Amino acid sequence: MNKIYPSAAAALEGIVRDGQLLAVGGFGLCGIPEALIAALRDTGVKGLTVISNNAGVDGFGLGQLLETRQIQKMISSYVGENKEFERQYLAGELALEFTPQGTLAEKLRAGGAGIPAFFTRTGVGTVVAEGKETREFDGQTYVMERALVPEVSLGKAWKADKSGNLIFRRTARNFNPAVIMAGKISVVEVEEIVETGSFDPDAVHLPGIFVHRLVLNAQPEKRIEKRTTTQNPKGA
């Protein structure tokens, strides 16, 4: 089975549509599938619910899809670096399901492992638990969290072989393995593709059984986030 597609646009062809539940890997701008996000924007699909730790920044990453109003709802744990996100949310134009970061990671991992739900103490007694089942174990209250199984997952890895076995690079691994595992269809953007059998099996971080489509992006932009605490005085 050939998993390699000639472009990000080709890799998304026939699998994305309006109103889907999607997951996107990355943490901030680290390890985001840049080319796939841009290709998703260019499809024009709308009404999306997107699972991602955060929503990129204005004009880059998932911020591009916010600007084009293609995202209807975000399931995230941190959204503090995107002014357009804030504007849409406060104006009631964007739905948001805040999820504690560890819970979000476990919801994706559970989805990839075929576990429909799990219990956690995180969020008990807060808005996070509203409307959810709770249960006592050993004298402690736990809230039940449902797993996440996106229809399409977009991930980023450093290297892949032609069978889709993946190696991630340092902190760019972040949410990507869980996102890729959880997707019913997972599309992965990589910087290098090698022949099957080139990797030491012990070096593989995620086996190719979880990867359905691959696209090469040998020179991603890899922007970094810059923290701004105050505006520079005029002329400084």
C-alpha atoms as a PDB file:
ATOM      1  CA  MET A   1       0.000   0.000   0.000  1.00  0.00           C
ATOM      2  CA  ASN A   2       1.461   3.342  -1.064  1.00  0.00           C
ATOM      3  CA  LYS A   3       1.085   5.873   1.742  1.00  0.00           C
ATOM      4  CA  ILE A   4       3.080   8.683   0.104  1.00  0.00           C
ATOM      5  CA  TYR A   5       1.182  11.557  -1.517  1.00  0.00           C
ATOM      6  CA  PRO A   6       2.786  14.168  -3.799  1.00  0.00           C
ATOM      7  CA  SER A   7       1.489  17.191  -1.882  1.00  0.00           C
ATOM      8  CA  ALA A   8      -0.405  18.186   1.228  1.00  0.00           C
ATOM      9  CA  ALA A   9      -3.426  19.040  -0.924  1.00  0.00           C
ATOM     10  CA  ALA A  10      -3.379  15.574  -2.487  1.00  0.00           C
ATOM     11  CA  ALA A  11      -3.061  13.957   0.950  1.00  0.00           C
ATOM     12  CA  LEU A  12      -6.295  15.633   2.101  1.00  0.00           C
ATOM     13  CA  GLU A  13      -8.242  14.959  -1.062  1.00  0.00           C
ATOM     14  CA  GLY A  14     -11.407  12.981  -0.475  1.00  0.00           C
ATOM     15  CA  ILE A  15     -11.128  12.776   3.308  1.00  0.00           C
ATOM     16  CA  VAL A  16     -12.038  16.243   4.617  1.00  0.00           C
ATOM     17  CA  ARG A  17     -15.524  17.717   4.590  1.00  0.00           C
ATOM     18  CA  ASP A  18     -17.675  20.314   6.329  1.00  0.00           C
ATOM     19  CA  GLY A  19     -18.586  19.725   9.959  1.00  0.00           C
ATOM     20  CA  GLN A  20     -15.850  17.197  10.744  1.00  0.00           C
ATOM     21  CA  LEU A  21     -14.118  16.470  14.035  1.00  0.00           C
ATOM     22  CA  LEU A  22     -10.383  16.848  13.401  1.00  0.00           C
ATOM     23  CA  ALA A  23      -7.284  16.663  15.594  1.00  0.00           C
ATOM     24  CA  VAL A  24      -4.077  18.551  14.901  1.00  0.00           C
ATOM     25  CA  GLY A  25      -0.715  17.829  16.513  1.00  0.00           C
ATOM     26  CA  GLY A  26       1.732  20.330  17.952  1.00  0.00           C
ATOM     27  CA  PHE A  27       2.303  22.418  21.057  1.00  0.00           C
ATOM     28  CA  GLY A  28       2.270  26.131  20.431  1.00  0.00           C
ATOM     29  CA  LEU A  29       4.052  26.305  17.086  1.00  0.00           C
ATOM     30  CA  CYS A  30       6.364  23.400  17.906  1.00  0.00           C
ATOM     31  CA  GLY A  31       5.674  20.304  15.845  1.00  0.00           C
ATOM     32  CA  ILE A  32       2.662  21.603  13.952  1.00  0.00           C
ATOM     33  CA  PRO A  33       1.924  20.138  10.489  1.00  0.00           C
ATOM     34  CA  GLU A  34       2.403  23.456   8.686  1.00  0.00           C
ATOM     35  CA  ALA A  35       1.776  22.298   5.130  1.00  0.00           C
ATOM     36  CA  LEU A  36      -1.274  20.226   6.051  1.00  0.00           C
ATOM     37  CA  ILE A  37      -2.877  23.093   7.966  1.00  0.00           C
ATOM     38  CA  ALA A  38      -2.368  25.413   4.986  1.00  0.00           C
ATOM     39  CA  ALA A  39      -3.800  22.781   2.650  1.00  0.00           C
ATOM     40  CA  LEU A  40      -6.808  22.334   4.948  1.00  0.00           C
ATOM     41  CA  ARG A  41      -7.400  26.078   4.784  1.00  0.00           C
ATOM     42  CA  ASP A  42      -7.257  25.965   1.005  1.00  0.00           C
ATOM     43  CA  THR A  43      -9.922  23.239   0.807  1.00  0.00           C
ATOM     44  CA  GLY A  44     -12.467  25.733   2.104  1.00  0.00           C
ATOM     45  CA  VAL A  45     -14.148  23.183   4.388  1.00  0.00           C
ATOM     46  CA  LYS A  46     -16.020  24.847   7.227  1.00  0.00           C
ATOM     47  CA  GLY A  47     -17.914  24.172  10.427  1.00  0.00           C
ATOM     48  CA  LEU A  48     -14.943  22.222  11.807  1.00  0.00           C
ATOM     49  CA  THR A  49     -14.471  21.100  15.399  1.00  0.00           C
ATOM     50  CA  VAL A  50     -10.726  20.998  15.977  1.00  0.00           C
ATOM     51  CA  ILE A  51      -8.938  19.194  18.799  1.00  0.00           C
ATOM     52  CA  SER A  52      -5.556  20.770  19.494  1.00  0.00           C
ATOM     53  CA  ASN A  53      -3.631  21.810  22.571  1.00  0.00           C
ATOM     54  CA  ASN A  54      -3.893  25.399  21.359  1.00  0.00           C
ATOM     55  CA  ALA A  55      -4.842  27.364  18.253  1.00  0.00           C
ATOM     56  CA  GLY A  56      -1.529  28.588  16.874  1.00  0.00           C
ATOM     57  CA  VAL A  57      -0.978  32.324  16.613  1.00  0.00           C
ATOM     58  CA  ASP A  58      -2.550  35.034  14.510  1.00  0.00           C
ATOM     59  CA  GLY A  59      -1.907  34.252  10.860  1.00  0.00           C
ATOM     60  CA  PHE A  60      -0.014  30.996  11.346  1.00  0.00           C
ATOM     61  CA  GLY A  61      -0.849  27.435  12.219  1.00  0.00           C
ATOM     62  CA  LEU A  62      -4.507  27.002  13.145  1.00  0.00           C
ATOM     63  CA  GLY A  63      -4.703  30.788  13.335  1.00  0.00           C
ATOM     64  CA  GLN A  64      -5.078  30.684   9.552  1.00  0.00           C
ATOM     65  CA  LEU A  65      -8.301  28.680   9.830  1.00  0.00           C
ATOM     66  CA  LEU A  66      -9.656  31.048  12.465  1.00  0.00           C
ATOM     67  CA  GLU A  67      -9.090  33.995  10.139  1.00  0.00           C
ATOM     68  CA  THR A  68     -11.065  32.258   7.379  1.00  0.00           C
ATOM     69  CA  ARG A  69     -13.829  31.269   9.860  1.00  0.00           C
ATOM     70  CA  GLN A  70     -13.485  27.570   9.051  1.00  0.00           C
ATOM     71  CA  ILE A  71     -13.381  26.503  12.713  1.00  0.00           C
ATOM     72  CA  GLN A  72     -16.686  26.393  14.561  1.00  0.00           C
ATOM     73  CA  LYS A  73     -15.424  24.894  17.825  1.00  0.00           C
ATOM     74  CA  MET A  74     -12.070  24.271  19.509  1.00  0.00           C
ATOM     75  CA  ILE A  75     -11.324  21.543  22.058  1.00  0.00           C
ATOM     76  CA  SER A  76      -8.155  22.888  23.668  1.00  0.00           C
ATOM     77  CA  SER A  77      -6.258  23.428  26.883  1.00  0.00           C
ATOM     78  CA  TYR A  78      -4.524  26.740  26.115  1.00  0.00           C
ATOM     79  CA  VAL A  79      -5.560  29.541  23.767  1.00  0.00           C
ATOM     80  CA  GLY A  80      -3.748  32.578  25.127  1.00  0.00           C
ATOM     81  CA  GLU A  81      -1.591  33.640  22.170  1.00  0.00           C
ATOM     82  CA  ASN A  82      -4.184  34.282  19.495  1.00  0.00           C
ATOM     83  CA  LYS A  83      -5.984  37.633  19.447  1.00  0.00           C
ATOM     84  CA  GLU A  84      -8.429  36.535  16.754  1.00  0.00           C
ATOM     85  CA  PHE A  85      -9.334  33.485  18.842  1.00  0.00           C
ATOM     86  CA  GLU A  86     -10.019  35.744  21.810  1.00  0.00           C
ATOM     87  CA  ARG A  87     -12.083  38.142  19.703  1.00  0.00           C
ATOM     88  CA  GLN A  88     -14.240  35.382  18.175  1.00  0.00           C
ATOM     89  CA  TYR A  89     -14.763  33.640  21.512  1.00  0.00           C
ATOM     90  CA  LEU A  90     -15.748  36.794  23.402  1.00  0.00           C
ATOM     91  CA  ALA A  91     -18.077  37.767  20.547  1.00  0.00           C
ATOM     92  CA  GLY A  92     -19.818  34.385  20.724  1.00  0.00           C
ATOM     93  CA  GLU A  93     -18.615  33.422  17.240  1.00  0.00           C
ATOM     94  CA  LEU A  94     -16.480  30.472  18.336  1.00  0.00           C
ATOM     95  CA  ALA A  95     -17.357  27.634  20.697  1.00  0.00           C
ATOM     96  CA  LEU A  96     -14.691  26.442  23.118  1.00  0.00           C
ATOM     97  CA  GLU A  97     -14.424  23.283  25.204  1.00  0.00           C
ATOM     98  CA  PHE A  98     -11.636  23.875  27.694  1.00  0.00           C
ATOM     99  CA  THR A  99      -9.908  20.644  28.688  1.00  0.00           C
ATOM    100  CA  PRO A 100      -7.034  20.266  31.179  1.00  0.00           C
ATOM    101  CA  GLN A 101      -3.866  19.473  29.263  1.00  0.00           C
ATOM    102  CA  GLY A 102      -3.219  16.067  30.798  1.00  0.00           C
ATOM    103  CA  THR A 103      -6.871  15.121  30.351  1.00  0.00           C
ATOM    104  CA  LEU A 104      -6.742  16.179  26.705  1.00  0.00           C
ATOM    105  CA  ALA A 105      -3.679  14.012  26.112  1.00  0.00           C
ATOM    106  CA  GLU A 106      -5.327  11.035  27.806  1.00  0.00           C
ATOM    107  CA  LYS A 107      -8.596  11.504  25.891  1.00  0.00           C
ATOM    108  CA  LEU A 108      -6.622  11.209  22.652  1.00  0.00           C
ATOM    109  CA  ARG A 109      -4.493   8.330  23.895  1.00  0.00           C
ATOM    110  CA  ALA A 110      -7.603   6.473  25.031  1.00  0.00           C
ATOM    111  CA  GLY A 111      -9.211   7.061  21.655  1.00  0.00           C
ATOM    112  CA  GLY A 112      -6.218   5.542  19.905  1.00  0.00           C
ATOM    113  CA  ALA A 113      -6.178   2.576  22.303  1.00  0.00           C
ATOM    114  CA  GLY A 114      -9.877   1.796  21.854  1.00  0.00           C
ATOM    115  CA  ILE A 115     -10.795   2.829  25.411  1.00  0.00           C
ATOM    116  CA  PRO A 116     -14.155   4.659  25.320  1.00  0.00           C
ATOM    117  CA  ALA A 117     -13.831   6.521  28.627  1.00  0.00           C
ATOM    118  CA  PHE A 118     -11.809   6.847  31.837  1.00  0.00           C
ATOM    119  CA  PHE A 119     -12.093   8.397  35.285  1.00  0.00           C
ATOM    120  CA  THR A 120      -9.868  11.196  36.577  1.00  0.00           C
ATOM    121  CA  ARG A 121      -9.822  13.509  39.618  1.00  0.00           C
ATOM    122  CA  THR A 122      -8.761  16.454  37.455  1.00  0.00           C
ATOM    123  CA  GLY A 123     -11.572  18.974  37.192  1.00  0.00           C
ATOM    124  CA  VAL A 124     -13.769  17.590  39.959  1.00  0.00           C
ATOM    125  CA  GLY A 125     -15.802  20.398  41.516  1.00  0.00           C
ATOM    126  CA  THR A 126     -15.115  22.812  38.637  1.00  0.00           C
ATOM    127  CA  VAL A 127     -16.828  23.772  35.381  1.00  0.00           C
ATOM    128  CA  VAL A 128     -14.777  21.028  33.719  1.00  0.00           C
ATOM    129  CA  ALA A 129     -16.996  18.433  35.422  1.00  0.00           C
ATOM    130  CA  GLU A 130     -20.333  20.058  34.632  1.00  0.00           C
ATOM    131  CA  GLY A 131     -22.719  17.642  32.932  1.00  0.00           C
ATOM    132  CA  LYS A 132     -20.362  14.690  33.311  1.00  0.00           C
ATOM    133  CA  GLU A 133     -20.778  11.506  35.309  1.00  0.00           C
ATOM    134  CA  THR A 134     -18.906  11.310  38.613  1.00  0.00           C
ATOM    135  CA  ARG A 135     -18.149   8.263  40.737  1.00  0.00           C
ATOM    136  CA  GLU A 136     -16.401   7.507  44.013  1.00  0.00           C
ATOM    137  CA  PHE A 137     -13.363   5.232  44.215  1.00  0.00           C
ATOM    138  CA  ASP A 138     -11.637   4.661  47.558  1.00  0.00           C
ATOM    139  CA  GLY A 139     -13.350   7.656  49.072  1.00  0.00           C
ATOM    140  CA  GLN A 140     -12.370  10.062  46.293  1.00  0.00           C
ATOM    141  CA  THR A 141     -14.631  11.589  43.623  1.00  0.00           C
ATOM    142  CA  TYR A 142     -13.680  11.117  39.997  1.00  0.00           C
ATOM    143  CA  VAL A 143     -15.166  12.537  36.810  1.00  0.00           C
ATOM    144  CA  MET A 144     -15.679  10.416  33.722  1.00  0.00           C
ATOM    145  CA  GLU A 145     -14.081  11.696  30.524  1.00  0.00           C
ATOM    146  CA  ARG A 146     -14.984  10.320  27.109  1.00  0.00           C
ATOM    147  CA  ALA A 147     -12.206   9.437  24.677  1.00  0.00           C
ATOM    148  CA  LEU A 148     -11.673  11.490  21.515  1.00  0.00           C
ATOM    149  CA  VAL A 149     -11.718   9.764  18.124  1.00  0.00           C
ATOM    150  CA  PRO A 150     -11.349  12.362  15.369  1.00  0.00           C
ATOM    151  CA  GLU A 151     -12.465  11.534  11.859  1.00  0.00           C
ATOM    152  CA  VAL A 152      -9.178  12.915  10.525  1.00  0.00           C
ATOM    153  CA  SER A 153      -5.912  13.597  12.351  1.00  0.00           C
ATOM    154  CA  LEU A 154      -3.113  15.806  11.029  1.00  0.00           C
ATOM    155  CA  GLY A 155       0.299  15.148  12.576  1.00  0.00           C
ATOM    156  CA  LYS A 156       3.944  16.050  12.179  1.00  0.00           C
ATOM    157  CA  ALA A 157       7.010  13.834  12.519  1.00  0.00           C
ATOM    158  CA  TRP A 158      10.679  14.251  11.682  1.00  0.00           C
ATOM    159  CA  LYS A 159      11.257  11.115   9.616  1.00  0.00           C
ATOM    160  CA  ALA A 160       9.169   8.291   8.205  1.00  0.00           C
ATOM    161  CA  ASP A 161       9.886   5.187   6.211  1.00  0.00           C
ATOM    162  CA  LYS A 162       7.665   4.265   3.292  1.00  0.00           C
ATOM    163  CA  SER A 163       5.550   2.060   5.568  1.00  0.00           C
ATOM    164  CA  GLY A 164       4.738   5.041   7.790  1.00  0.00           C
ATOM    165  CA  ASN A 165       6.912   4.143  10.785  1.00  0.00           C
ATOM    166  CA  LEU A 166       7.698   7.448  12.485  1.00  0.00           C
ATOM    167  CA  ILE A 167      10.526   9.114  14.377  1.00  0.00           C
ATOM    168  CA  PHE A 168       9.852  12.425  16.112  1.00  0.00           C
ATOM    169  CA  ARG A 169      12.479  15.010  16.961  1.00  0.00           C
ATOM    170  CA  ARG A 170      12.800  16.134  20.567  1.00  0.00           C
ATOM    171  CA  THR A 171       9.961  18.291  21.912  1.00  0.00           C
ATOM    172  CA  ALA A 172       8.191  18.285  18.548  1.00  0.00           C
ATOM    173  CA  ARG A 173       6.912  14.869  19.601  1.00  0.00           C
ATOM    174  CA  ASN A 174       4.524  16.514  22.139  1.00  0.00           C
ATOM    175  CA  PHE A 175       0.869  15.749  21.218  1.00  0.00           C
ATOM    176  CA  ASN A 176       1.652  14.238  17.827  1.00  0.00           C
ATOM    177  CA  PRO A 177       1.757  10.504  18.708  1.00  0.00           C
ATOM    178  CA  ALA A 178      -1.563  10.662  20.566  1.00  0.00           C
ATOM    179  CA  VAL A 179      -3.206  12.728  17.813  1.00  0.00           C
ATOM    180  CA  ILE A 180      -2.018  10.357  15.086  1.00  0.00           C
ATOM    181  CA  MET A 181      -3.050   7.237  17.026  1.00  0.00           C
ATOM    182  CA  ALA A 182      -6.538   8.578  17.695  1.00  0.00           C
ATOM    183  CA  GLY A 183      -7.541   9.447  14.143  1.00  0.00           C
ATOM    184  CA  LYS A 184      -9.750   7.181  12.046  1.00  0.00           C
ATOM    185  CA  ILE A 185      -7.640   8.494   9.162  1.00  0.00           C
ATOM    186  CA  SER A 186      -4.242   9.972  10.038  1.00  0.00           C
ATOM    187  CA  VAL A 187      -2.205  12.132   7.674  1.00  0.00           C
ATOM    188  CA  VAL A 188       1.381  12.858   8.686  1.00  0.00           C
ATOM    189  CA  GLU A 189       3.753  15.522   7.397  1.00  0.00           C
ATOM    190  CA  VAL A 190       7.460  14.629   7.615  1.00  0.00           C
ATOM    191  CA  GLU A 191      10.792  16.190   6.729  1.00  0.00           C
ATOM    192  CA  GLU A 192      12.349  13.027   5.324  1.00  0.00           C
ATOM    193  CA  ILE A 193      11.094   9.722   3.905  1.00  0.00           C
ATOM    194  CA  VAL A 194      13.425   6.710   3.737  1.00  0.00           C
ATOM    195  CA  GLU A 195      13.115   3.136   2.556  1.00  0.00           C
ATOM    196  CA  THR A 196      11.250   0.665   4.719  1.00  0.00           C
ATOM    197  CA  GLY A 197      13.765  -1.202   6.878  1.00  0.00           C
ATOM    198  CA  SER A 198      16.122   1.770   7.221  1.00  0.00           C
ATOM    199  CA  PHE A 199      15.202   2.386  10.861  1.00  0.00           C
ATOM    200  CA  ASP A 200      16.454   0.405  13.811  1.00  0.00           C
ATOM    201  CA  PRO A 201      13.157  -1.018  15.128  1.00  0.00           C
ATOM    202  CA  ASP A 202      14.027   0.257  18.620  1.00  0.00           C
ATOM    203  CA  ALA A 203      14.269   3.802  17.222  1.00  0.00           C
ATOM    204  CA  VAL A 204      10.687   3.883  15.946  1.00  0.00           C
ATOM    205  CA  HIS A 205       8.470   6.086  18.112  1.00  0.00           C
ATOM    206  CA  LEU A 206       5.157   5.256  16.436  1.00  0.00           C
ATOM    207  CA  PRO A 207       4.524   2.257  14.159  1.00  0.00           C
ATOM    208  CA  GLY A 208       3.147   2.718  10.669  1.00  0.00           C
ATOM    209  CA  ILE A 209      -0.101   0.903  11.441  1.00  0.00           C
ATOM    210  CA  PHE A 210      -1.428   4.221  12.758  1.00  0.00           C
ATOM    211  CA  VAL A 211      -0.428   6.187   9.637  1.00  0.00           C
ATOM    212  CA  HIS A 212      -2.614   6.191   6.536  1.00  0.00           C
ATOM    213  CA  ARG A 213      -1.094   8.981   4.432  1.00  0.00           C
ATOM    214  CA  LEU A 214       2.323  10.646   4.295  1.00  0.00           C
ATOM    215  CA  VAL A 215       3.418  13.908   2.728  1.00  0.00           C
ATOM    216  CA  LEU A 216       6.954  15.287   2.492  1.00  0.00           C
ATOM    217  CA  ASN A 217       7.680  18.851   3.617  1.00  0.00           C
ATOM    218  CA  ALA A 218      11.474  18.917   3.606  1.00  0.00           C
ATOM    219  CA  GLN A 219      11.837  22.586   4.568  1.00  0.00           C
ATOM    220  CA  PRO A 220       9.110  23.659   6.998  1.00  0.00           C
ATOM    221  CA  GLU A 221       9.204  27.237   8.227  1.00  0.00           C
ATOM    222  CA  LYS A 222       9.287  26.243  11.912  1.00  0.00           C
ATOM    223  CA  ARG A 223       8.314  29.603  13.354  1.00  0.00           C
ATOM    224  CA  ILE A 224       8.856  30.184  17.048  1.00  0.00           C
ATOM    225  CA  GLU A 225       6.621  32.029  19.471  1.00  0.00           C
ATOM    226  CA  LYS A 226       7.942  35.267  20.945  1.00  0.00           C
ATOM    227  CA  ARG A 227       6.736  36.458  24.292  1.00  0.00           C
ATOM    228  CA  THR A 228       5.861  40.152  24.488  1.00  0.00           C
ATOM    229  CA  THR A 229       5.300  41.691  27.906  1.00  0.00           C
ATOM    230  CA  THR A 230       5.214  45.411  27.026  1.00  0.00           C
ATOM    231  CA  GLN A 231       5.149  47.464  23.874  1.00  0.00           C
ATOM    232  CA  ASN A 232       8.436  49.168  23.028  1.00  0.00           C
ATOM    233  CA  PRO A 233       8.358  52.931  23.523  1.00  0.00           C
ATOM    234  CA  LYS A 234       7.956  54.841  20.271  1.00  0.00           C
ATOM    235  CA  GLY A 235      11.281  55.315  18.588  1.00  0.00           C
ATOM    236  CA  ALA A 236      13.111  52.913  20.926  1.00  0.00           C
END
